[in-house]
Amino acid sequence: MNLNQPTNEAAYLTLLQQVLTQGSRKDDRTGTGTYSHFGAQLRFNLQDGFPLLTTKKVHFKSIVYELLWFLSGDTHVNYLQQHGVRIWNEWATAEQTARFGRSEGDLGPIYGHQWRNYGASKDENGKYRQDGIDQITQVIEQIKTNPNSRRLIVTGWNPAEANQVALPPCHTLFQFFVSDGRLSCQLYQRSADLFLGVPFNIASYALLTHMVAQVTGLDVGEFIWTGGDCHIYQNHIEQVNEQCSRQPFALPKLKLNPSISDIFAFKFADISIEGYQSHAAIKAPVAV
C-alpha cells in the first residue's frame, strides 16, 4: 500500500484480509481472542466523498449522535439512549459502572470529559468542576489564529484517569493540519477493532474534520487513520470474510448546514448523507 496517496474502501478491505491471514493470534482482555497486527495507516481524500463504508451498511445516525455527545462534554448515556443509540450500552450497565462507584449509565471521564474538561478537579462530593481544559475550543481557536502550528492536537488519553472507566479511550489522540486552505486530520487509535469499531471511527473523525473545517472557514483535505493494535476478533472471522467478498459502491456525499459557524451549535438535523448505497449490514457480537 502506498501510504503517501489517498486510499479508499478497498484499502480498508485489504487491511482486513492482511490482518486475518498474517496477524498474530493473541489472547486479549475480553477473553475472545484476536488476530492482531501492530501499526497500520489508511488515508481518505475527503474531496472524493465521505468515507462511510459501503460493503456493509453502517449506522450513520449513531455516528452523528455519538459525535455530538462527545462534543457536548456529556458522559452519561441518557442522551444516546433517548435518541435510540445503543452503542455504549454494554459499558453503561449497573454492573460495569458500579466498579467505579458510579450509578448506571454514568461512564465517567471518557471522551466528552477529556475533550471539553481535561484535567478538571473534583469537589467535595467527587463531582468534576468545570475548571479543566476545553481542548476543542482551544484547537479551533488555534486553527483560526495560527493555522501553521504543529500543536493542533486533542488528546482523549489521560493516564491519571484511564483506569477510572470501563473502556479507556481507544481513539486516543488526533491532530489537525492546515495546508493550501484545506484542513486535514490524523487520528491515532491505540486499540482498533477493525470489523466493528473502525468503520465508525473513520466516519466519526471524517465528520468531525468537515465540521471543524466549516467553522474555521477551510475546505477539507484528508482524513488519516493510524492504528496501533489492529485486531480482528476470532468470533468475527466469518463476518470479515463475507464483507471482503463484496464490491464497494461509490462513496456518498456529506451535507452540513452551511449557516452553522459554531462547532457546538450543530444539531442532528444539520448533518446528512446523500447518495449512500451499501450492501446489507453484517451483525457481529461486541467484545466487552
C-alpha atoms as a PDB file:
ATOM      1  CA  MET A   1       0.000   0.000   0.000  1.00  0.00           C
ATOM      2  CA  ASN A   2       1.328   3.421  -0.941  1.00  0.00           C
ATOM      3  CA  LEU A   3       0.929   5.387   2.274  1.00  0.00           C
ATOM      4  CA  ASN A   4       1.658   8.692   0.552  1.00  0.00           C
ATOM      5  CA  GLN A   5      -1.516   8.660  -1.535  1.00  0.00           C
ATOM      6  CA  PRO A   6      -5.163   8.905  -0.524  1.00  0.00           C
ATOM      7  CA  THR A   7      -6.821   5.497  -0.343  1.00  0.00           C
ATOM      8  CA  ASN A   8     -10.404   4.308  -0.339  1.00  0.00           C
ATOM      9  CA  GLU A   9     -12.590   1.499   0.928  1.00  0.00           C
ATOM     10  CA  ALA A  10     -10.596  -1.109  -0.984  1.00  0.00           C
ATOM     11  CA  ALA A  11      -7.588  -0.328   1.218  1.00  0.00           C
ATOM     12  CA  TYR A  12      -9.661  -0.981   4.344  1.00  0.00           C
ATOM     13  CA  LEU A  13     -10.731  -4.356   2.925  1.00  0.00           C
ATOM     14  CA  THR A  14      -7.100  -5.165   2.122  1.00  0.00           C
ATOM     15  CA  LEU A  15      -6.154  -4.382   5.721  1.00  0.00           C
ATOM     16  CA  LEU A  16      -8.869  -6.734   6.971  1.00  0.00           C
ATOM     17  CA  GLN A  17      -7.534  -9.520   4.769  1.00  0.00           C
ATOM     18  CA  GLN A  18      -3.919  -8.898   5.765  1.00  0.00           C
ATOM     19  CA  VAL A  19      -4.654  -8.972   9.484  1.00  0.00           C
ATOM     20  CA  LEU A  20      -6.798 -12.078   9.118  1.00  0.00           C
ATOM     21  CA  THR A  21      -4.172 -14.003   7.132  1.00  0.00           C
ATOM     22  CA  GLN A  22      -0.938 -12.582   8.542  1.00  0.00           C
ATOM     23  CA  GLY A  23      -1.850 -11.325  12.022  1.00  0.00           C
ATOM     24  CA  SER A  24      -0.585 -12.895  15.220  1.00  0.00           C
ATOM     25  CA  ARG A  25      -3.038 -14.993  17.167  1.00  0.00           C
ATOM     26  CA  LYS A  26      -3.335 -13.404  20.599  1.00  0.00           C
ATOM     27  CA  ASP A  27      -5.332 -13.548  23.799  1.00  0.00           C
ATOM     28  CA  ASP A  28      -6.998 -10.341  24.905  1.00  0.00           C
ATOM     29  CA  ARG A  29      -8.700  -8.627  27.825  1.00  0.00           C
ATOM     30  CA  THR A  30     -12.179  -9.814  26.814  1.00  0.00           C
ATOM     31  CA  GLY A  31     -11.185 -13.483  26.593  1.00  0.00           C
ATOM     32  CA  THR A  32     -12.404 -13.686  22.993  1.00  0.00           C
ATOM     33  CA  GLY A  33      -9.048 -13.937  21.222  1.00  0.00           C
ATOM     34  CA  THR A  34      -7.863 -11.940  18.230  1.00  0.00           C
ATOM     35  CA  TYR A  35      -5.736 -11.896  15.130  1.00  0.00           C
ATOM     36  CA  SER A  36      -3.618  -8.778  15.627  1.00  0.00           C
ATOM     37  CA  HIS A  37      -1.151  -6.620  13.740  1.00  0.00           C
ATOM     38  CA  PHE A  38       0.705  -3.632  15.187  1.00  0.00           C
ATOM     39  CA  GLY A  39       0.732  -0.440  13.154  1.00  0.00           C
ATOM     40  CA  ALA A  40      -1.314   0.404  10.045  1.00  0.00           C
ATOM     41  CA  GLN A  41      -2.483   3.504   8.215  1.00  0.00           C
ATOM     42  CA  LEU A  42      -5.332   4.404   5.868  1.00  0.00           C
ATOM     43  CA  ARG A  43      -5.762   7.733   4.074  1.00  0.00           C
ATOM     44  CA  PHE A  44      -9.023   9.165   2.746  1.00  0.00           C
ATOM     45  CA  ASN A  45      -9.230  12.194   0.473  1.00  0.00           C
ATOM     46  CA  LEU A  46     -12.387  13.871   1.753  1.00  0.00           C
ATOM     47  CA  GLN A  47     -12.768  15.718  -1.533  1.00  0.00           C
ATOM     48  CA  ASP A  48     -13.529  12.358  -3.176  1.00  0.00           C
ATOM     49  CA  GLY A  49     -16.508  11.511  -0.980  1.00  0.00           C
ATOM     50  CA  PHE A  50     -17.411  10.745   2.602  1.00  0.00           C
ATOM     51  CA  PRO A  51     -15.720   7.553   3.913  1.00  0.00           C
ATOM     52  CA  LEU A  52     -18.796   5.715   5.132  1.00  0.00           C
ATOM     53  CA  LEU A  53     -18.207   2.056   4.282  1.00  0.00           C
ATOM     54  CA  THR A  54     -20.432   0.619   1.582  1.00  0.00           C
ATOM     55  CA  THR A  55     -19.526  -3.085   1.776  1.00  0.00           C
ATOM     56  CA  LYS A  56     -21.807  -3.246   4.810  1.00  0.00           C
ATOM     57  CA  LYS A  57     -24.439  -0.773   5.984  1.00  0.00           C
ATOM     58  CA  VAL A  58     -23.047   1.496   8.693  1.00  0.00           C
ATOM     59  CA  HIS A  59     -25.497   3.194  11.045  1.00  0.00           C
ATOM     60  CA  PHE A  60     -24.789   6.858  10.322  1.00  0.00           C
ATOM     61  CA  LYS A  61     -27.382   8.057  12.836  1.00  0.00           C
ATOM     62  CA  SER A  62     -25.369   6.510  15.679  1.00  0.00           C
ATOM     63  CA  ILE A  63     -22.164   8.093  14.402  1.00  0.00           C
ATOM     64  CA  VAL A  64     -23.706  11.567  14.341  1.00  0.00           C
ATOM     65  CA  TYR A  65     -25.356  11.362  17.740  1.00  0.00           C
ATOM     66  CA  GLU A  66     -22.227   9.918  19.344  1.00  0.00           C
ATOM     67  CA  LEU A  67     -20.038  12.721  17.961  1.00  0.00           C
ATOM     68  CA  LEU A  68     -22.495  15.410  19.093  1.00  0.00           C
ATOM     69  CA  TRP A  69     -22.497  13.735  22.508  1.00  0.00           C
ATOM     70  CA  PHE A  70     -18.689  13.810  22.665  1.00  0.00           C
ATOM     71  CA  LEU A  71     -18.620  17.470  21.652  1.00  0.00           C
ATOM     72  CA  SER A  72     -21.158  18.377  24.331  1.00  0.00           C
ATOM     73  CA  GLY A  73     -18.850  17.042  27.042  1.00  0.00           C
ATOM     74  CA  ASP A  74     -21.560  14.676  28.289  1.00  0.00           C
ATOM     75  CA  THR A  75     -20.535  11.256  29.640  1.00  0.00           C
ATOM     76  CA  HIS A  76     -23.917   9.763  30.597  1.00  0.00           C
ATOM     77  CA  VAL A  77     -25.693   7.500  28.120  1.00  0.00           C
ATOM     78  CA  ASN A  78     -29.115   9.102  28.654  1.00  0.00           C
ATOM     79  CA  TYR A  79     -28.693  11.374  25.636  1.00  0.00           C
ATOM     80  CA  LEU A  80     -27.729   8.469  23.374  1.00  0.00           C
ATOM     81  CA  GLN A  81     -30.492   6.195  24.606  1.00  0.00           C
ATOM     82  CA  GLN A  82     -33.100   8.935  24.199  1.00  0.00           C
ATOM     83  CA  HIS A  83     -32.153   9.037  20.513  1.00  0.00           C
ATOM     84  CA  GLY A  84     -32.138   5.267  20.026  1.00  0.00           C
ATOM     85  CA  VAL A  85     -28.341   4.886  20.041  1.00  0.00           C
ATOM     86  CA  ARG A  86     -27.198   1.776  21.913  1.00  0.00           C
ATOM     87  CA  ILE A  87     -23.501   1.550  21.065  1.00  0.00           C
ATOM     88  CA  TRP A  88     -22.363   2.385  24.633  1.00  0.00           C
ATOM     89  CA  ASN A  89     -24.923   0.266  26.493  1.00  0.00           C
ATOM     90  CA  GLU A  90     -22.589  -2.635  27.255  1.00  0.00           C
ATOM     91  CA  TRP A  91     -20.269  -0.347  29.237  1.00  0.00           C
ATOM     92  CA  ALA A  92     -23.081   1.553  30.956  1.00  0.00           C
ATOM     93  CA  THR A  93     -24.734  -1.291  32.882  1.00  0.00           C
ATOM     94  CA  ALA A  94     -25.106  -1.075  36.650  1.00  0.00           C
ATOM     95  CA  GLU A  95     -22.518  -3.850  36.987  1.00  0.00           C
ATOM     96  CA  GLN A  96     -19.951  -2.022  34.874  1.00  0.00           C
ATOM     97  CA  THR A  97     -20.414   1.420  36.423  1.00  0.00           C
ATOM     98  CA  ALA A  98     -20.538   0.069  39.980  1.00  0.00           C
ATOM     99  CA  ARG A  99     -16.909  -0.989  39.572  1.00  0.00           C
ATOM    100  CA  PHE A 100     -16.053   2.723  39.760  1.00  0.00           C
ATOM    101  CA  GLY A 101     -18.638   3.808  42.324  1.00  0.00           C
ATOM    102  CA  ARG A 102     -20.939   5.376  39.739  1.00  0.00           C
ATOM    103  CA  SER A 103     -24.612   4.908  39.013  1.00  0.00           C
ATOM    104  CA  GLU A 104     -25.917   3.042  35.977  1.00  0.00           C
ATOM    105  CA  GLY A 105     -25.336   4.969  32.761  1.00  0.00           C
ATOM    106  CA  ASP A 106     -22.585   7.215  34.123  1.00  0.00           C
ATOM    107  CA  LEU A 107     -19.494   6.309  32.105  1.00  0.00           C
ATOM    108  CA  GLY A 108     -17.078   8.596  33.931  1.00  0.00           C
ATOM    109  CA  PRO A 109     -14.165  10.537  32.385  1.00  0.00           C
ATOM    110  CA  ILE A 110     -14.401   9.228  28.805  1.00  0.00           C
ATOM    111  CA  TYR A 111     -14.140  11.175  25.545  1.00  0.00           C
ATOM    112  CA  GLY A 112     -16.514  14.063  26.182  1.00  0.00           C
ATOM    113  CA  HIS A 113     -14.914  14.829  29.521  1.00  0.00           C
ATOM    114  CA  GLN A 114     -11.366  14.668  28.171  1.00  0.00           C
ATOM    115  CA  TRP A 115     -12.180  16.759  25.083  1.00  0.00           C
ATOM    116  CA  ARG A 116     -14.024  19.515  26.978  1.00  0.00           C
ATOM    117  CA  ASN A 117     -12.776  19.434  30.598  1.00  0.00           C
ATOM    118  CA  TYR A 118      -9.359  17.765  30.593  1.00  0.00           C
ATOM    119  CA  GLY A 119      -7.583  17.725  33.958  1.00  0.00           C
ATOM    120  CA  ALA A 120     -10.577  19.042  35.901  1.00  0.00           C
ATOM    121  CA  SER A 121     -10.559  18.875  39.679  1.00  0.00           C
ATOM    122  CA  LYS A 122     -13.305  17.337  41.831  1.00  0.00           C
ATOM    123  CA  ASP A 123     -15.460  18.922  44.508  1.00  0.00           C
ATOM    124  CA  GLU A 124     -16.088  17.535  47.988  1.00  0.00           C
ATOM    125  CA  ASN A 125     -18.765  15.212  46.558  1.00  0.00           C
ATOM    126  CA  GLY A 126     -16.434  13.742  43.950  1.00  0.00           C
ATOM    127  CA  LYS A 127     -18.079  15.590  41.050  1.00  0.00           C
ATOM    128  CA  TYR A 128     -15.952  17.233  38.377  1.00  0.00           C
ATOM    129  CA  ARG A 129     -15.702  21.001  38.449  1.00  0.00           C
ATOM    130  CA  GLN A 130     -15.713  22.895  35.161  1.00  0.00           C
ATOM    131  CA  ASP A 131     -12.113  24.028  35.638  1.00  0.00           C
ATOM    132  CA  GLY A 132     -10.332  21.789  33.141  1.00  0.00           C
ATOM    133  CA  ILE A 133      -9.042  22.491  29.624  1.00  0.00           C
ATOM    134  CA  ASP A 134     -11.593  22.751  26.826  1.00  0.00           C
ATOM    135  CA  GLN A 135      -9.403  21.200  24.146  1.00  0.00           C
ATOM    136  CA  ILE A 136     -11.986  21.521  21.367  1.00  0.00           C
ATOM    137  CA  THR A 137     -12.460  25.248  21.873  1.00  0.00           C
ATOM    138  CA  GLN A 138      -8.709  25.725  22.119  1.00  0.00           C
ATOM    139  CA  VAL A 139      -7.837  23.808  18.965  1.00  0.00           C
ATOM    140  CA  ILE A 140     -10.470  25.607  16.888  1.00  0.00           C
ATOM    141  CA  GLU A 141      -9.143  28.958  18.047  1.00  0.00           C
ATOM    142  CA  GLN A 142      -5.605  27.833  17.208  1.00  0.00           C
ATOM    143  CA  ILE A 143      -6.651  26.747  13.706  1.00  0.00           C
ATOM    144  CA  LYS A 144      -8.189  30.168  13.137  1.00  0.00           C
ATOM    145  CA  THR A 145      -5.299  32.219  14.526  1.00  0.00           C
ATOM    146  CA  ASN A 146      -2.218  30.035  13.952  1.00  0.00           C
ATOM    147  CA  PRO A 147      -3.018  27.505  11.219  1.00  0.00           C
ATOM    148  CA  ASN A 148       0.650  26.615  10.668  1.00  0.00           C
ATOM    149  CA  SER A 149       1.011  25.368  14.229  1.00  0.00           C
ATOM    150  CA  ARG A 150       2.227  21.816  14.738  1.00  0.00           C
ATOM    151  CA  ARG A 151       0.385  21.689  18.053  1.00  0.00           C
ATOM    152  CA  LEU A 152      -3.184  21.388  16.778  1.00  0.00           C
ATOM    153  CA  ILE A 153      -3.769  18.353  18.977  1.00  0.00           C
ATOM    154  CA  VAL A 154      -6.606  16.971  21.096  1.00  0.00           C
ATOM    155  CA  THR A 155      -5.963  14.019  23.392  1.00  0.00           C
ATOM    156  CA  GLY A 156      -8.512  11.655  24.856  1.00  0.00           C
ATOM    157  CA  TRP A 157      -5.913   9.776  26.862  1.00  0.00           C
ATOM    158  CA  ASN A 158      -5.363  10.937  30.416  1.00  0.00           C
ATOM    159  CA  PRO A 159      -3.089   8.495  32.277  1.00  0.00           C
ATOM    160  CA  ALA A 160      -4.407   9.697  35.634  1.00  0.00           C
ATOM    161  CA  GLU A 161      -7.966   8.686  34.694  1.00  0.00           C
ATOM    162  CA  ALA A 162      -7.537   5.806  32.249  1.00  0.00           C
ATOM    163  CA  ASN A 163      -8.222   3.260  34.993  1.00  0.00           C
ATOM    164  CA  GLN A 164     -11.389   5.047  36.146  1.00  0.00           C
ATOM    165  CA  VAL A 165     -13.549   3.933  33.224  1.00  0.00           C
ATOM    166  CA  ALA A 166     -14.758   0.587  31.920  1.00  0.00           C
ATOM    167  CA  LEU A 167     -13.365   1.331  28.457  1.00  0.00           C
ATOM    168  CA  PRO A 168     -10.372   3.709  28.344  1.00  0.00           C
ATOM    169  CA  PRO A 169     -10.256   5.771  25.127  1.00  0.00           C
ATOM    170  CA  CYS A 170      -9.394   3.624  22.113  1.00  0.00           C
ATOM    171  CA  HIS A 171      -9.094   6.591  19.742  1.00  0.00           C
ATOM    172  CA  THR A 172      -6.581   8.397  21.871  1.00  0.00           C
ATOM    173  CA  LEU A 173      -5.247  11.440  20.024  1.00  0.00           C
ATOM    174  CA  PHE A 174      -5.984  13.471  16.902  1.00  0.00           C
ATOM    175  CA  GLN A 175      -4.078  16.235  15.161  1.00  0.00           C
ATOM    176  CA  PHE A 176      -5.154  18.810  12.602  1.00  0.00           C
ATOM    177  CA  PHE A 177      -3.044  20.123   9.727  1.00  0.00           C
ATOM    178  CA  VAL A 178      -3.748  23.131   7.506  1.00  0.00           C
ATOM    179  CA  SER A 179      -2.276  23.473   4.015  1.00  0.00           C
ATOM    180  CA  ASP A 180      -3.445  25.364   0.924  1.00  0.00           C
ATOM    181  CA  GLY A 181      -6.702  26.321   2.611  1.00  0.00           C
ATOM    182  CA  ARG A 182      -7.606  22.741   3.460  1.00  0.00           C
ATOM    183  CA  LEU A 183      -7.935  21.066   6.843  1.00  0.00           C
ATOM    184  CA  SER A 184      -6.705  17.519   7.344  1.00  0.00           C
ATOM    185  CA  CYS A 185      -6.935  15.356  10.448  1.00  0.00           C
ATOM    186  CA  GLN A 186      -4.943  12.356  11.630  1.00  0.00           C
ATOM    187  CA  LEU A 187      -6.241  10.031  14.329  1.00  0.00           C
ATOM    188  CA  TYR A 188      -4.106   7.665  16.387  1.00  0.00           C
ATOM    189  CA  GLN A 189      -6.141   4.723  17.646  1.00  0.00           C
ATOM    190  CA  ARG A 190      -4.346   2.593  20.243  1.00  0.00           C
ATOM    191  CA  SER A 191      -6.825  -0.290  20.015  1.00  0.00           C
ATOM    192  CA  ALA A 192      -8.653  -0.917  16.759  1.00  0.00           C
ATOM    193  CA  ASP A 193     -11.493  -3.427  16.428  1.00  0.00           C
ATOM    194  CA  LEU A 194     -11.219  -3.498  12.658  1.00  0.00           C
ATOM    195  CA  PHE A 195     -14.573  -5.050  11.863  1.00  0.00           C
ATOM    196  CA  LEU A 196     -16.972  -3.368  14.301  1.00  0.00           C
ATOM    197  CA  GLY A 197     -15.289  -0.265  15.660  1.00  0.00           C
ATOM    198  CA  VAL A 198     -13.008   1.169  12.990  1.00  0.00           C
ATOM    199  CA  PRO A 199     -15.722   1.854  10.363  1.00  0.00           C
ATOM    200  CA  PHE A 200     -17.469   4.025  12.990  1.00  0.00           C
ATOM    201  CA  ASN A 201     -14.216   5.745  13.957  1.00  0.00           C
ATOM    202  CA  ILE A 202     -13.285   6.569  10.353  1.00  0.00           C
ATOM    203  CA  ALA A 203     -16.692   8.091   9.660  1.00  0.00           C
ATOM    204  CA  SER A 204     -16.827   9.914  13.002  1.00  0.00           C
ATOM    205  CA  TYR A 205     -13.496  11.665  12.610  1.00  0.00           C
ATOM    206  CA  ALA A 206     -14.129  12.407   8.948  1.00  0.00           C
ATOM    207  CA  LEU A 207     -17.357  14.080  10.064  1.00  0.00           C
ATOM    208  CA  LEU A 208     -15.504  16.000  12.778  1.00  0.00           C
ATOM    209  CA  THR A 209     -12.969  17.167  10.184  1.00  0.00           C
ATOM    210  CA  HIS A 210     -15.766  18.507   7.974  1.00  0.00           C
ATOM    211  CA  MET A 211     -17.394  20.277  10.920  1.00  0.00           C
ATOM    212  CA  VAL A 212     -14.170  21.881  12.131  1.00  0.00           C
ATOM    213  CA  ALA A 213     -13.287  22.906   8.568  1.00  0.00           C
ATOM    214  CA  GLN A 214     -16.635  24.636   8.153  1.00  0.00           C
ATOM    215  CA  VAL A 215     -16.413  26.633  11.401  1.00  0.00           C
ATOM    216  CA  THR A 216     -12.824  27.686  10.662  1.00  0.00           C
ATOM    217  CA  GLY A 217     -13.514  28.735   7.074  1.00  0.00           C
ATOM    218  CA  LEU A 218     -11.480  25.977   5.433  1.00  0.00           C
ATOM    219  CA  ASP A 219     -12.089  23.273   2.853  1.00  0.00           C
ATOM    220  CA  VAL A 220     -11.481  19.642   3.778  1.00  0.00           C
ATOM    221  CA  GLY A 221      -8.297  17.780   2.886  1.00  0.00           C
ATOM    222  CA  GLU A 222      -7.518  14.253   4.076  1.00  0.00           C
ATOM    223  CA  PHE A 223      -8.577  12.108   6.980  1.00  0.00           C
ATOM    224  CA  ILE A 224      -5.741   9.815   8.014  1.00  0.00           C
ATOM    225  CA  TRP A 225      -6.455   6.850  10.256  1.00  0.00           C
ATOM    226  CA  THR A 226      -3.478   5.343  12.121  1.00  0.00           C
ATOM    227  CA  GLY A 227      -3.965   2.201  14.181  1.00  0.00           C
ATOM    228  CA  GLY A 228      -1.827   0.687  16.920  1.00  0.00           C
ATOM    229  CA  ASP A 229      -3.081  -2.770  17.914  1.00  0.00           C
ATOM    230  CA  CYS A 230      -5.183  -3.548  14.834  1.00  0.00           C
ATOM    231  CA  HIS A 231      -7.200  -6.676  15.504  1.00  0.00           C
ATOM    232  CA  ILE A 232      -9.990  -8.913  14.303  1.00  0.00           C
ATOM    233  CA  TYR A 233     -11.802 -10.880  16.973  1.00  0.00           C
ATOM    234  CA  GLN A 234     -11.831 -14.614  16.421  1.00  0.00           C
ATOM    235  CA  ASN A 235     -15.647 -14.640  16.502  1.00  0.00           C
ATOM    236  CA  HIS A 236     -15.752 -12.106  13.637  1.00  0.00           C
ATOM    237  CA  ILE A 237     -13.907 -14.196  11.035  1.00  0.00           C
ATOM    238  CA  GLU A 238     -16.990 -15.339   9.150  1.00  0.00           C
ATOM    239  CA  GLN A 239     -18.300 -11.776   9.006  1.00  0.00           C
ATOM    240  CA  VAL A 240     -14.965 -10.392   7.799  1.00  0.00           C
ATOM    241  CA  ASN A 241     -14.809 -12.951   5.008  1.00  0.00           C
ATOM    242  CA  GLU A 242     -18.331 -12.046   3.935  1.00  0.00           C
ATOM    243  CA  GLN A 243     -17.531  -8.342   3.840  1.00  0.00           C
ATOM    244  CA  CYS A 244     -14.307  -8.858   1.917  1.00  0.00           C
ATOM    245  CA  SER A 245     -16.209 -10.781  -0.759  1.00  0.00           C
ATOM    246  CA  ARG A 246     -18.296  -7.696  -1.595  1.00  0.00           C
ATOM    247  CA  GLN A 247     -17.523  -4.965  -4.093  1.00  0.00           C
ATOM    248  CA  PRO A 248     -17.626  -1.369  -2.815  1.00  0.00           C
ATOM    249  CA  PHE A 249     -20.058   1.193  -4.172  1.00  0.00           C
ATOM    250  CA  ALA A 250     -19.240   4.842  -4.778  1.00  0.00           C
ATOM    251  CA  LEU A 251     -18.826   6.893  -1.610  1.00  0.00           C
ATOM    252  CA  PRO A 252     -21.683   9.158  -0.533  1.00  0.00           C
ATOM    253  CA  LYS A 253     -21.526  12.916  -0.004  1.00  0.00           C
ATOM    254  CA  LEU A 254     -21.773  14.686   3.341  1.00  0.00           C
ATOM    255  CA  LYS A 255     -24.042  17.716   3.671  1.00  0.00           C
ATOM    256  CA  LEU A 256     -23.747  20.182   6.539  1.00  0.00           C
ATOM    257  CA  ASN A 257     -25.998  23.142   7.258  1.00  0.00           C
ATOM    258  CA  PRO A 258     -23.821  25.951   5.848  1.00  0.00           C
ATOM    259  CA  SER A 259     -25.192  28.507   8.312  1.00  0.00           C
ATOM    260  CA  ILE A 260     -23.515  26.828  11.307  1.00  0.00           C
ATOM    261  CA  SER A 261     -20.339  28.641  12.385  1.00  0.00           C
ATOM    262  CA  ASP A 262     -20.038  27.327  15.956  1.00  0.00           C
ATOM    263  CA  ILE A 263     -18.880  23.720  16.409  1.00  0.00           C
ATOM    264  CA  PHE A 264     -21.188  23.335  19.426  1.00  0.00           C
ATOM    265  CA  ALA A 265     -24.249  24.607  17.556  1.00  0.00           C
ATOM    266  CA  PHE A 266     -24.544  21.610  15.228  1.00  0.00           C
ATOM    267  CA  LYS A 267     -27.691  19.526  15.708  1.00  0.00           C
ATOM    268  CA  PHE A 268     -28.591  16.184  14.176  1.00  0.00           C
ATOM    269  CA  ALA A 269     -30.796  17.877  11.583  1.00  0.00           C
ATOM    270  CA  ASP A 270     -27.805  19.912  10.349  1.00  0.00           C
ATOM    271  CA  ILE A 271     -25.933  16.801   9.192  1.00  0.00           C
ATOM    272  CA  SER A 272     -26.948  14.413   6.417  1.00  0.00           C
ATOM    273  CA  ILE A 273     -25.601  11.940   3.891  1.00  0.00           C
ATOM    274  CA  GLU A 274     -26.607  11.907   0.236  1.00  0.00           C
ATOM    275  CA  GLY A 275     -26.238   9.028  -2.207  1.00  0.00           C
ATOM    276  CA  TYR A 276     -25.390   6.335   0.343  1.00  0.00           C
ATOM    277  CA  GLN A 277     -25.670   2.946  -1.371  1.00  0.00           C
ATOM    278  CA  SER A 278     -24.466  -0.039   0.596  1.00  0.00           C
ATOM    279  CA  HIS A 279     -24.622  -3.789   0.965  1.00  0.00           C
ATOM    280  CA  ALA A 280     -26.646  -5.198   3.858  1.00  0.00           C
ATOM    281  CA  ALA A 281     -25.495  -4.838   7.439  1.00  0.00           C
ATOM    282  CA  ILE A 282     -23.470  -7.690   8.941  1.00  0.00           C
ATOM    283  CA  LYS A 283     -24.111  -8.401  12.596  1.00  0.00           C
ATOM    284  CA  ALA A 284     -21.354  -9.482  14.982  1.00  0.00           C
ATOM    285  CA  PRO A 285     -21.035  -9.755  18.762  1.00  0.00           C
ATOM    286  CA  VAL A 286     -19.363  -6.968  20.731  1.00  0.00           C
ATOM    287  CA  ALA A 287     -16.437  -7.978  22.947  1.00  0.00           C
ATOM    288  CA  VAL A 288     -16.790  -6.220  26.312  1.00  0.00           C
END
